[in-house]
């Protein structure tokens, strides 16, 4: 292997084990770009489909929570692998790090096959429960195509997580850039030129994901210039490694499942109080809010990696410092995003209301954005707290906090404001804001108490030096 490649590998590891502020900044910005590209990748479908009218857009909205389960599977397995590998790097155990990466690939293949079969069989029934109604057939067209090729989405997510776990965030960004650009280009071709409608959007999405998989396979198994060596000779099945990955992966996947269930419930409540047009509005508006949350997602993923390495090295002070520093940056970014969304709501709403068929959504999206933008600051505290627990391998705690924040608080307040108090879709938006903010306070307090307890176990003066 060339000296230049070896130097690149070591610089990534040195970054993880060095100053936490520098690591957070250098890891976060490529992750932010990657998250933006992932969101643009998903957003492209909705933007182009919006030109077909509110019903096709609603069809995408009904599939979106289910697709987030797919994303959640990949993110969950990736988070489990990221957490364990980062801890192994912190403990200077490369052999176990390699083996952990291979175990995560094995899990990916098995899970992809199982869930592809399950979702394709149950999709009509699920859409019926969700109240898709007249949008069902178009939702099926989109959903079947996406779920048959489930493996490309999950593998892409897991493989990029492996790159991030070793500090190689730039190439994770590059592969997402190629995928997002291809999807944006292919969407209008398949939707309008080939006249395939929502099915065309699904086909473009699948083809784009195949590209990302091809690039990742080349880097990992053909060029073989990653820090992790995922050759089959490094695979030795160990139940303990599988358990270490799953102890974060299962709760993390469950968290994404919770967000998908939350989306399904919110859609159902919106159908009750305002019909499918409200679902189209929520689908469009929430994707715009999620775009504004991208910097927080990047910071959170960086925190997970740095926290894992700090925990593996028994450095509780570094873990606390990384958590506090990330929260400060996240709060500043949240305030900026809230201001931008509130002020420019009329302009950004045009993304989903550019055609005559969807022009009526603009006013509704503006109202929604100016209410929902506030919850970004709550997401900051809730997300960073959860990432600390995922980083140290306590996935169940992260799951509990997400359950409280999303399923308990958001659903409860949405139901009270929107249905019980008769405030309609506006009440549901206020409910989401109140729920996430209250849940964030609980999450933050829980994280602070855990770090205080951890400092007693690994006090700063007893930190073990990291030696080769």
Protein backbone atom coordinates (compact mmCIF):
# COMPACT_ATOMS: atom_id res chain seq x y z
CA UNK A 1 0.00 0.00 0.00
CA UNK A 2 1.36 3.46 -0.86
CA UNK A 3 2.83 5.74 1.77
CA UNK A 4 0.36 8.48 0.80
CA UNK A 5 -2.65 6.23 1.38
CA UNK A 6 -1.27 5.07 4.74
CA UNK A 7 -0.69 8.70 5.79
CA UNK A 8 -4.30 9.55 4.92
CA UNK A 9 -5.57 6.69 7.04
CA UNK A 10 -3.51 7.75 10.06
CA UNK A 11 -4.57 11.40 9.77
CA UNK A 12 -8.22 10.36 10.05
CA UNK A 13 -7.51 8.37 13.22
CA UNK A 14 -5.39 11.15 14.71
CA UNK A 15 -8.31 13.49 14.17
CA UNK A 16 -10.64 11.26 16.20
CA UNK A 17 -8.18 10.94 19.05
CA UNK A 18 -7.15 14.61 19.13
CA UNK A 19 -8.80 17.82 20.33
CA UNK A 20 -12.59 17.37 20.56
CA UNK A 21 -13.40 20.87 19.26
CA UNK A 22 -11.25 20.38 16.18
CA UNK A 23 -12.66 16.89 15.63
CA UNK A 24 -16.28 18.09 15.90
CA UNK A 25 -15.70 20.93 13.43
CA UNK A 26 -13.75 18.90 10.90
CA UNK A 27 -16.09 15.91 11.06
CA UNK A 28 -19.29 17.93 11.13
CA UNK A 29 -19.09 20.04 8.01
CA UNK A 30 -18.63 17.17 5.52
CA UNK A 31 -21.40 15.34 7.37
CA UNK A 32 -23.60 18.40 7.03
CA UNK A 33 -22.98 18.42 3.29
CA UNK A 34 -23.67 14.67 3.18
CA UNK A 35 -26.92 15.11 5.10
CA UNK A 36 -27.92 17.97 2.82
CA UNK A 37 -27.29 15.76 -0.20
CA UNK A 38 -29.29 12.91 1.34
CA UNK A 39 -32.16 15.30 2.00
CA UNK A 40 -31.88 16.77 -1.49
CA UNK A 41 -31.87 13.23 -2.81
CA UNK A 42 -35.18 12.54 -1.04
CA UNK A 43 -36.56 16.04 -1.58
CA UNK A 44 -36.10 15.82 -5.34
CA UNK A 45 -38.87 13.22 -5.62
CA UNK A 46 -41.34 15.43 -3.76
CA UNK A 47 -40.42 18.57 -5.69
CA UNK A 48 -40.84 16.95 -9.11
CA UNK A 49 -43.93 14.97 -8.10
CA UNK A 50 -45.51 18.17 -6.74
CA UNK A 51 -45.86 19.27 -10.36
CA UNK A 52 -48.32 16.41 -10.88
CA UNK A 53 -50.70 17.77 -8.23
CA UNK A 54 -51.55 17.40 -4.54
CA UNK A 55 -52.74 13.77 -4.73
CA UNK A 56 -49.48 12.35 -6.17
CA UNK A 57 -47.60 14.44 -3.59
CA UNK A 58 -49.84 12.99 -0.86
CA UNK A 59 -49.02 9.51 -2.21
CA UNK A 60 -45.33 10.23 -1.66
CA UNK A 61 -46.26 11.54 1.78
CA UNK A 62 -47.86 8.23 2.74
CA UNK A 63 -44.79 6.28 1.58
CA UNK A 64 -42.32 8.66 3.23
CA UNK A 65 -42.76 7.31 6.82
CA UNK A 66 -42.30 3.77 5.49
CA UNK A 67 -39.25 4.80 3.48
CA UNK A 68 -37.86 6.35 6.65
CA UNK A 69 -38.02 2.87 8.15
CA UNK A 70 -35.70 1.80 5.33
CA UNK A 71 -33.40 4.73 6.05
CA UNK A 72 -33.70 3.92 9.74
CA UNK A 73 -32.55 0.35 9.19
CA UNK A 74 -29.43 1.54 7.44
CA UNK A 75 -28.82 4.36 9.92
CA UNK A 76 -29.41 2.00 12.84
CA UNK A 77 -26.94 -0.62 11.68
CA UNK A 78 -24.54 2.15 10.70
CA UNK A 79 -24.86 3.81 14.11
CA UNK A 80 -24.20 0.50 15.85
CA UNK A 81 -21.12 -0.15 13.74
CA UNK A 82 -19.97 3.50 14.01
CA UNK A 83 -20.27 3.45 17.80
CA UNK A 84 -18.42 0.15 18.24
CA UNK A 85 -15.68 0.90 15.69
CA UNK A 86 -15.07 4.36 17.19
CA UNK A 87 -14.76 2.76 20.64
CA UNK A 88 -12.34 0.17 19.22
CA UNK A 89 -10.26 2.93 17.63
CA UNK A 90 -10.21 4.78 20.96
CA UNK A 91 -8.98 1.58 22.61
CA UNK A 92 -6.45 0.96 19.76
CA UNK A 93 -8.02 -2.39 18.83
CA UNK A 94 -7.93 -2.44 15.01
CA UNK A 95 -8.54 -6.18 14.69
CA UNK A 96 -11.86 -5.87 16.45
CA UNK A 97 -12.71 -2.74 14.43
CA UNK A 98 -12.22 -4.68 11.17
CA UNK A 99 -14.30 -7.58 12.43
CA UNK A 100 -17.06 -5.20 13.58
CA UNK A 101 -17.22 -3.69 10.09
CA UNK A 102 -17.65 -7.12 8.52
CA UNK A 103 -20.34 -8.09 11.02
CA UNK A 104 -22.26 -4.94 10.09
CA UNK A 105 -22.15 -5.92 6.39
CA UNK A 106 -23.50 -9.38 7.23
CA UNK A 107 -26.35 -7.84 9.23
CA UNK A 108 -27.08 -5.51 6.30
CA UNK A 109 -27.58 -8.35 3.82
CA UNK A 110 -29.84 -10.39 6.14
CA UNK A 111 -31.98 -7.43 7.23
CA UNK A 112 -32.38 -6.12 3.67
CA UNK A 113 -33.79 -9.40 2.39
CA UNK A 114 -36.19 -9.86 5.30
CA UNK A 115 -37.63 -6.36 5.31
CA UNK A 116 -37.92 -6.17 1.54
CA UNK A 117 -40.20 -9.22 1.62
CA UNK A 118 -42.20 -7.98 4.62
CA UNK A 119 -42.84 -4.47 3.29
CA UNK A 120 -43.82 -5.61 -0.21
CA UNK A 121 -46.35 -8.07 1.23
CA UNK A 122 -47.86 -5.72 3.80
CA UNK A 123 -47.80 -2.45 1.82
CA UNK A 124 -51.49 -2.45 0.66
CA UNK A 125 -52.68 -3.22 4.19
CA UNK A 126 -50.44 -0.54 5.73
CA UNK A 127 -51.66 2.12 3.29
CA UNK A 128 -55.26 1.20 4.07
CA UNK A 129 -54.61 1.68 7.79
CA UNK A 130 -52.91 5.02 7.08
CA UNK A 131 -56.03 6.25 5.28
CA UNK A 132 -54.37 6.73 1.88
CA UNK A 133 -57.74 6.47 0.12
CA UNK A 134 -57.63 7.74 -3.46
CA UNK A 135 -53.85 8.10 -3.28
CA UNK A 136 -53.37 4.36 -2.62
CA UNK A 137 -52.62 3.22 -6.17
CA UNK A 138 -49.99 5.87 -6.78
CA UNK A 139 -48.46 5.16 -3.38
CA UNK A 140 -48.25 1.46 -4.30
CA UNK A 141 -46.54 2.29 -7.60
CA UNK A 142 -43.85 4.23 -5.78
CA UNK A 143 -43.55 1.94 -2.77
CA UNK A 144 -43.20 -1.41 -4.54
CA UNK A 145 -40.30 -0.23 -6.67
CA UNK A 146 -38.43 1.30 -3.74
CA UNK A 147 -38.94 -1.62 -1.35
CA UNK A 148 -38.00 -4.36 -3.84
CA UNK A 149 -34.53 -2.79 -4.06
CA UNK A 150 -34.25 -2.18 -0.33
CA UNK A 151 -30.70 -3.52 -0.11
CA UNK A 152 -29.19 -0.64 -2.10
CA UNK A 153 -30.50 1.95 0.37
CA UNK A 154 -29.45 0.06 3.49
CA UNK A 155 -26.00 -0.91 2.19
CA UNK A 156 -25.27 2.65 1.08
CA UNK A 157 -26.17 3.98 4.52
CA UNK A 158 -24.13 1.36 6.40
CA UNK A 159 -21.06 1.63 4.17
CA UNK A 160 -20.91 5.43 4.47
CA UNK A 161 -21.25 5.02 8.25
CA UNK A 162 -18.19 2.75 8.20
CA UNK A 163 -16.24 5.50 6.45
CA UNK A 164 -17.39 8.04 9.03
CA UNK A 165 -16.47 5.75 11.93
CA UNK A 166 -12.81 5.96 10.90
CA UNK A 167 -12.98 9.73 10.34
CA UNK A 168 -13.15 9.48 6.54
CA UNK A 169 -16.09 11.88 6.21
CA UNK A 170 -15.02 13.45 2.93
CA UNK A 171 -15.51 10.37 0.80
CA UNK A 172 -18.84 9.67 2.48
CA UNK A 173 -19.77 13.15 1.28
CA UNK A 174 -18.53 12.54 -2.25
CA UNK A 175 -20.58 9.40 -2.75
CA UNK A 176 -23.74 11.16 -1.56
CA UNK A 177 -23.02 14.05 -3.91
CA UNK A 178 -22.85 11.73 -6.91
CA UNK A 179 -26.04 9.96 -5.84
CA UNK A 180 -28.04 13.13 -5.18
CA UNK A 181 -27.01 14.82 -8.41
CA UNK A 182 -27.93 11.74 -10.46
CA UNK A 183 -31.32 11.47 -8.74
CA UNK A 184 -32.12 15.13 -9.36
CA UNK A 185 -31.21 14.74 -13.03
CA UNK A 186 -33.09 11.47 -13.56
CA UNK A 187 -36.31 12.46 -11.74
CA UNK A 188 -37.77 14.80 -14.40
CA UNK A 189 -36.66 12.44 -17.16
CA UNK A 190 -38.52 9.44 -15.77
CA UNK A 191 -41.49 11.41 -14.40
CA UNK A 192 -42.23 13.73 -17.34
CA UNK A 193 -40.25 12.71 -20.42
CA UNK A 194 -40.98 8.99 -20.02
CA UNK A 195 -44.43 9.82 -18.52
CA UNK A 196 -44.03 7.35 -15.65
CA UNK A 197 -45.36 9.68 -12.93
CA UNK A 198 -44.64 8.64 -9.33
CA UNK A 199 -43.25 5.30 -10.53
CA UNK A 200 -40.63 7.24 -12.50
CA UNK A 201 -39.55 9.03 -9.33
CA UNK A 202 -39.06 5.67 -7.62
CA UNK A 203 -37.04 4.27 -10.53
CA UNK A 204 -34.75 7.32 -10.53
CA UNK A 205 -34.21 6.93 -6.79
CA UNK A 206 -33.25 3.26 -7.11
CA UNK A 207 -30.85 3.84 -10.02
CA UNK A 208 -29.14 6.64 -8.09
CA UNK A 209 -28.65 4.41 -5.06
CA UNK A 210 -27.11 1.71 -7.22
CA UNK A 211 -24.45 4.27 -8.17
CA UNK A 212 -23.57 4.95 -4.53
CA UNK A 213 -23.26 1.22 -3.84
CA UNK A 214 -20.94 0.75 -6.80
CA UNK A 215 -18.63 3.56 -5.64
CA UNK A 216 -18.50 2.25 -2.07
CA UNK A 217 -17.79 -1.32 -3.17
CA UNK A 218 -14.91 -0.04 -5.31
CA UNK A 219 -13.30 1.85 -2.42
CA UNK A 220 -13.75 -0.87 0.19
CA UNK A 221 -13.08 -4.11 -1.69
CA UNK A 222 -11.32 -3.22 -4.95
CA UNK A 223 -9.14 -0.18 -4.23
CA UNK A 224 -8.94 -1.18 -0.52
CA UNK A 225 -7.66 2.15 0.73
CA UNK A 226 -9.84 2.46 3.84
CA UNK A 227 -8.50 2.23 7.40
CA UNK A 228 -10.82 -0.70 8.00
CA UNK A 229 -9.78 -3.86 6.18
CA UNK A 230 -12.99 -5.68 5.24
CA UNK A 231 -11.40 -8.64 3.49
CA UNK A 232 -13.09 -11.94 4.32
CA UNK A 233 -9.97 -13.22 6.10
CA UNK A 234 -10.66 -10.68 8.87
CA UNK A 235 -14.13 -12.05 9.58
CA UNK A 236 -14.39 -14.22 12.67
CA UNK A 237 -17.92 -14.57 13.97
CA UNK A 238 -18.21 -13.36 17.54
CA UNK A 239 -21.51 -13.15 19.36
CA UNK A 240 -20.11 -10.37 21.54
CA UNK A 241 -19.41 -8.18 18.49
CA UNK A 242 -22.85 -8.87 17.06
CA UNK A 243 -24.35 -7.96 20.43
CA UNK A 244 -22.29 -4.76 20.67
CA UNK A 245 -23.51 -3.64 17.25
CA UNK A 246 -27.13 -4.60 17.83
CA UNK A 247 -27.27 -3.02 21.29
CA UNK A 248 -27.01 0.33 19.51
CA UNK A 249 -28.40 -0.67 16.09
CA UNK A 250 -31.71 -2.08 17.33
CA UNK A 251 -32.63 0.92 19.52
CA UNK A 252 -31.36 3.33 16.84
CA UNK A 253 -33.46 1.56 14.20
CA UNK A 254 -36.38 1.58 16.59
CA UNK A 255 -35.90 5.33 16.99
CA UNK A 256 -36.21 5.80 13.24
CA UNK A 257 -39.20 3.47 13.32
CA UNK A 258 -40.70 5.69 15.99
CA UNK A 259 -40.26 8.73 13.75
CA UNK A 260 -41.92 6.79 10.93
CA UNK A 261 -44.80 5.83 13.22
CA UNK A 262 -44.98 9.46 14.32
CA UNK A 263 -45.28 10.50 10.67
CA UNK A 264 -48.03 7.94 10.10
CA UNK A 265 -49.94 9.13 13.17
CA UNK A 266 -49.53 12.80 12.28
CA UNK A 267 -50.76 12.05 8.74
CA UNK A 268 -53.73 10.19 10.18
CA UNK A 269 -54.60 13.09 12.51
CA UNK A 270 -54.28 15.53 9.61
CA UNK A 271 -56.63 13.41 7.47
CA UNK A 272 -59.17 13.45 10.30
CA UNK A 273 -59.10 17.22 10.81
CA UNK A 274 -58.39 18.52 7.29
CA UNK A 275 -58.15 15.77 4.62
CA UNK A 276 -55.38 14.65 2.27
CA UNK A 277 -54.48 18.20 1.23
CA UNK A 278 -53.22 18.72 4.80
CA UNK A 279 -51.02 15.63 4.37
CA UNK A 280 -49.55 17.11 1.20
CA UNK A 281 -48.90 20.37 3.08
CA UNK A 282 -47.28 18.55 5.99
CA UNK A 283 -45.16 16.43 3.63
CA UNK A 284 -43.85 19.50 1.83
CA UNK A 285 -43.40 21.69 4.90
CA UNK A 286 -41.73 19.04 7.03
CA UNK A 287 -39.18 18.30 4.33
CA UNK A 288 -38.27 21.98 4.25
CA UNK A 289 -37.90 22.02 8.04
CA UNK A 290 -35.78 18.88 7.83
CA UNK A 291 -33.53 20.67 5.35
CA UNK A 292 -32.99 23.37 7.98
CA UNK A 293 -32.12 20.64 10.51
CA UNK A 294 -29.28 19.26 8.36
CA UNK A 295 -26.50 21.12 10.22
CA UNK A 296 -27.77 19.60 13.47
CA UNK A 297 -27.75 16.12 11.95
CA UNK A 298 -24.16 16.63 10.84
CA UNK A 299 -23.13 17.83 14.29
CA UNK A 300 -24.95 14.93 15.93
CA UNK A 301 -23.21 12.33 13.79
CA UNK A 302 -19.84 13.96 14.51
CA UNK A 303 -20.64 13.91 18.23
CA UNK A 304 -21.52 10.21 18.09
CA UNK A 305 -18.12 9.37 16.58
CA UNK A 306 -16.09 11.61 18.91
CA UNK A 307 -18.05 10.47 21.99
CA UNK A 308 -17.45 6.84 21.05
CA UNK A 309 -13.70 7.36 20.69
CA UNK A 310 -13.55 9.31 23.97
CA UNK A 311 -15.50 6.61 25.79
CA UNK A 312 -13.27 3.88 24.34
CA UNK A 313 -10.26 5.77 25.70
CA UNK A 314 -11.90 6.29 29.14
CA UNK A 315 -11.74 10.07 28.65
CA UNK A 316 -14.91 11.35 30.33
CA UNK A 317 -13.72 14.96 30.30
CA UNK A 318 -13.31 14.91 26.52
CA UNK A 319 -16.76 13.37 26.14
CA UNK A 320 -18.34 16.11 28.26
CA UNK A 321 -16.42 18.82 26.41
CA UNK A 322 -17.56 17.44 23.03
CA UNK A 323 -21.20 17.37 24.20
CA UNK A 324 -21.18 20.93 25.54
CA UNK A 325 -19.33 22.32 22.52
CA UNK A 326 -21.71 20.64 20.06
CA UNK A 327 -24.73 21.98 21.94
CA UNK A 328 -23.39 25.55 21.74
CA UNK A 329 -22.81 25.37 18.01
CA UNK A 330 -26.17 23.64 17.51
CA UNK A 331 -28.06 26.31 19.46
CA UNK A 332 -26.53 29.11 17.41
CA UNK A 333 -27.34 27.31 14.16
CA UNK A 334 -30.90 26.59 15.36
CA UNK A 335 -31.60 30.25 16.03
CA UNK A 336 -30.28 31.24 12.61
CA UNK A 337 -32.39 28.59 10.86
CA UNK A 338 -35.55 29.62 12.73
CA UNK A 339 -35.10 33.23 11.63
CA UNK A 340 -34.41 32.26 8.01
CA UNK A 341 -37.40 29.90 7.77
CA UNK A 342 -39.77 32.41 9.35
CA UNK A 343 -38.66 35.34 7.18
CA UNK A 344 -38.35 33.47 3.89
CA UNK A 345 -41.31 31.10 4.29
CA UNK A 346 -43.16 32.63 1.28
CA UNK A 347 -40.15 32.11 -0.97
CA UNK A 348 -39.27 28.54 0.03
CA UNK A 349 -42.93 27.46 -0.10
CA UNK A 350 -42.80 28.01 -3.88
CA UNK A 351 -40.60 24.92 -4.18
CA UNK A 352 -43.74 22.81 -3.73
CA UNK A 353 -46.29 25.12 -5.31
CA UNK A 354 -44.70 26.03 -8.63
CA UNK A 355 -47.37 24.42 -10.85
CA UNK A 356 -51.04 25.28 -11.29
CA UNK A 357 -51.96 21.87 -9.83
CA UNK A 358 -50.19 22.61 -6.54
CA UNK A 359 -50.43 26.41 -6.33
CA UNK A 360 -53.04 26.23 -3.58
CA UNK A 361 -50.54 24.70 -1.16
CA UNK A 362 -48.38 27.82 -0.88
CA UNK A 363 -50.38 29.70 1.77
CA UNK A 364 -50.80 26.57 3.89
CA UNK A 365 -47.08 25.76 3.74
CA UNK A 366 -46.18 29.32 4.83
CA UNK A 367 -48.38 29.04 7.94
CA UNK A 368 -46.97 25.62 8.78
CA UNK A 369 -43.33 26.72 8.38
CA UNK A 370 -43.76 29.73 10.65
CA UNK A 371 -45.07 27.50 13.41
CA UNK A 372 -42.90 24.41 13.02
CA UNK A 373 -39.61 26.26 12.60
CA UNK A 374 -39.50 26.89 16.36
CA UNK A 375 -39.12 23.20 17.17
CA UNK A 376 -35.63 23.14 15.59
CA UNK A 377 -34.09 24.41 18.83
CA UNK A 378 -35.77 21.55 20.71
CA UNK A 379 -34.46 19.05 18.17
CA UNK A 380 -30.93 20.32 18.86
CA UNK A 381 -30.99 19.44 22.56
CA UNK A 382 -32.89 16.19 22.05
CA UNK A 383 -30.68 14.96 19.21
CA UNK A 384 -27.32 15.77 20.83
CA UNK A 385 -28.36 14.10 24.07
CA UNK A 386 -29.40 10.97 22.19
CA UNK A 387 -26.13 10.91 20.22
CA UNK A 388 -24.09 10.89 23.40
CA UNK A 389 -25.85 7.72 24.54
CA UNK A 390 -25.47 6.09 21.12
CA UNK A 391 -21.78 6.97 21.07
CA UNK A 392 -21.09 5.24 24.39
CA UNK A 393 -23.11 2.19 23.39
CA UNK A 394 -26.24 2.88 25.42
CA UNK A 395 -28.72 2.63 22.58
CA UNK A 396 -31.64 1.66 24.79
CA UNK A 397 -31.40 4.90 26.76
CA UNK A 398 -31.41 6.85 23.50
CA UNK A 399 -34.50 4.90 22.43
CA UNK A 400 -36.32 5.70 25.67
CA UNK A 401 -35.62 9.41 25.27
CA UNK A 402 -36.80 9.40 21.65
CA UNK A 403 -39.96 7.52 22.62
CA UNK A 404 -40.74 10.10 25.28
CA UNK A 405 -40.02 13.00 22.96
CA UNK A 406 -41.79 11.74 19.83
CA UNK A 407 -44.45 9.14 20.51
CA UNK A 408 -45.46 10.39 23.94
CA UNK A 409 -45.05 14.17 23.87
CA UNK A 410 -45.57 15.07 20.19
CA UNK A 411 -48.52 12.75 19.60
CA UNK A 412 -50.17 13.66 22.89
CA UNK A 413 -49.99 17.42 22.34
CA UNK A 414 -50.93 17.10 18.65
CA UNK A 415 -54.04 15.16 19.58
CA UNK A 416 -54.99 17.55 22.38
CA UNK A 417 -54.50 20.75 20.35
CA UNK A 418 -55.64 19.46 16.95
CA UNK A 419 -58.53 17.13 17.81
CA UNK A 420 -59.68 17.65 21.40
CA UNK A 421 -59.43 21.45 21.33
CA UNK A 422 -60.64 21.57 17.72
CA UNK A 423 -57.74 23.68 16.43
CA UNK A 424 -57.39 21.49 13.32
CA UNK A 425 -54.12 21.26 11.42
CA UNK A 426 -52.79 24.41 13.13
CA UNK A 427 -53.26 22.73 16.49
CA UNK A 428 -51.35 19.68 15.30
CA UNK A 429 -48.42 21.90 14.32
CA UNK A 430 -48.42 23.57 17.75
CA UNK A 431 -48.60 20.13 19.34
CA UNK A 432 -45.47 18.99 17.51
CA UNK A 433 -43.57 22.08 18.70
CA UNK A 434 -44.65 21.74 22.35
CA UNK A 435 -43.98 18.02 22.41
CA UNK A 436 -40.46 18.13 20.99
CA UNK A 437 -39.38 21.04 23.20
CA UNK A 438 -40.59 19.42 26.43
CA UNK A 439 -39.01 16.12 25.41
CA UNK A 440 -35.73 17.92 24.67
CA UNK A 441 -35.57 19.29 28.22
CA UNK A 442 -35.96 15.77 29.62
CA UNK A 443 -33.29 14.40 27.25
CA UNK A 444 -30.77 17.11 28.13
CA UNK A 445 -31.15 16.63 31.88
CA UNK A 446 -30.77 12.86 31.47
CA UNK A 447 -27.56 13.28 29.44
CA UNK A 448 -26.05 15.71 31.96
CA UNK A 449 -26.75 13.32 34.84
CA UNK A 450 -25.18 10.42 32.92
CA UNK A 451 -21.99 12.37 32.14
CA UNK A 452 -21.70 13.43 35.78
CA UNK A 453 -21.96 9.75 36.79
CA UNK A 454 -19.42 8.71 34.14
CA UNK A 455 -16.87 11.23 35.44
CA UNK A 456 -16.91 9.41 38.76
CA UNK A 457 -16.08 6.13 37.02
CA UNK A 458 -13.40 7.63 34.73
CA UNK A 459 -12.19 10.79 36.51
CA UNK A 460 -9.92 13.09 34.44
CA UNK A 461 -6.85 12.43 36.57
CA UNK A 462 -7.13 8.68 35.96
CA UNK A 463 -7.37 8.79 32.18
CA UNK A 464 -5.27 5.99 30.70
CA UNK A 465 -2.83 7.17 28.02
CA UNK A 466 -3.61 5.86 24.57
CA UNK A 467 -0.61 3.89 23.42
CA UNK A 468 -0.04 1.76 20.37
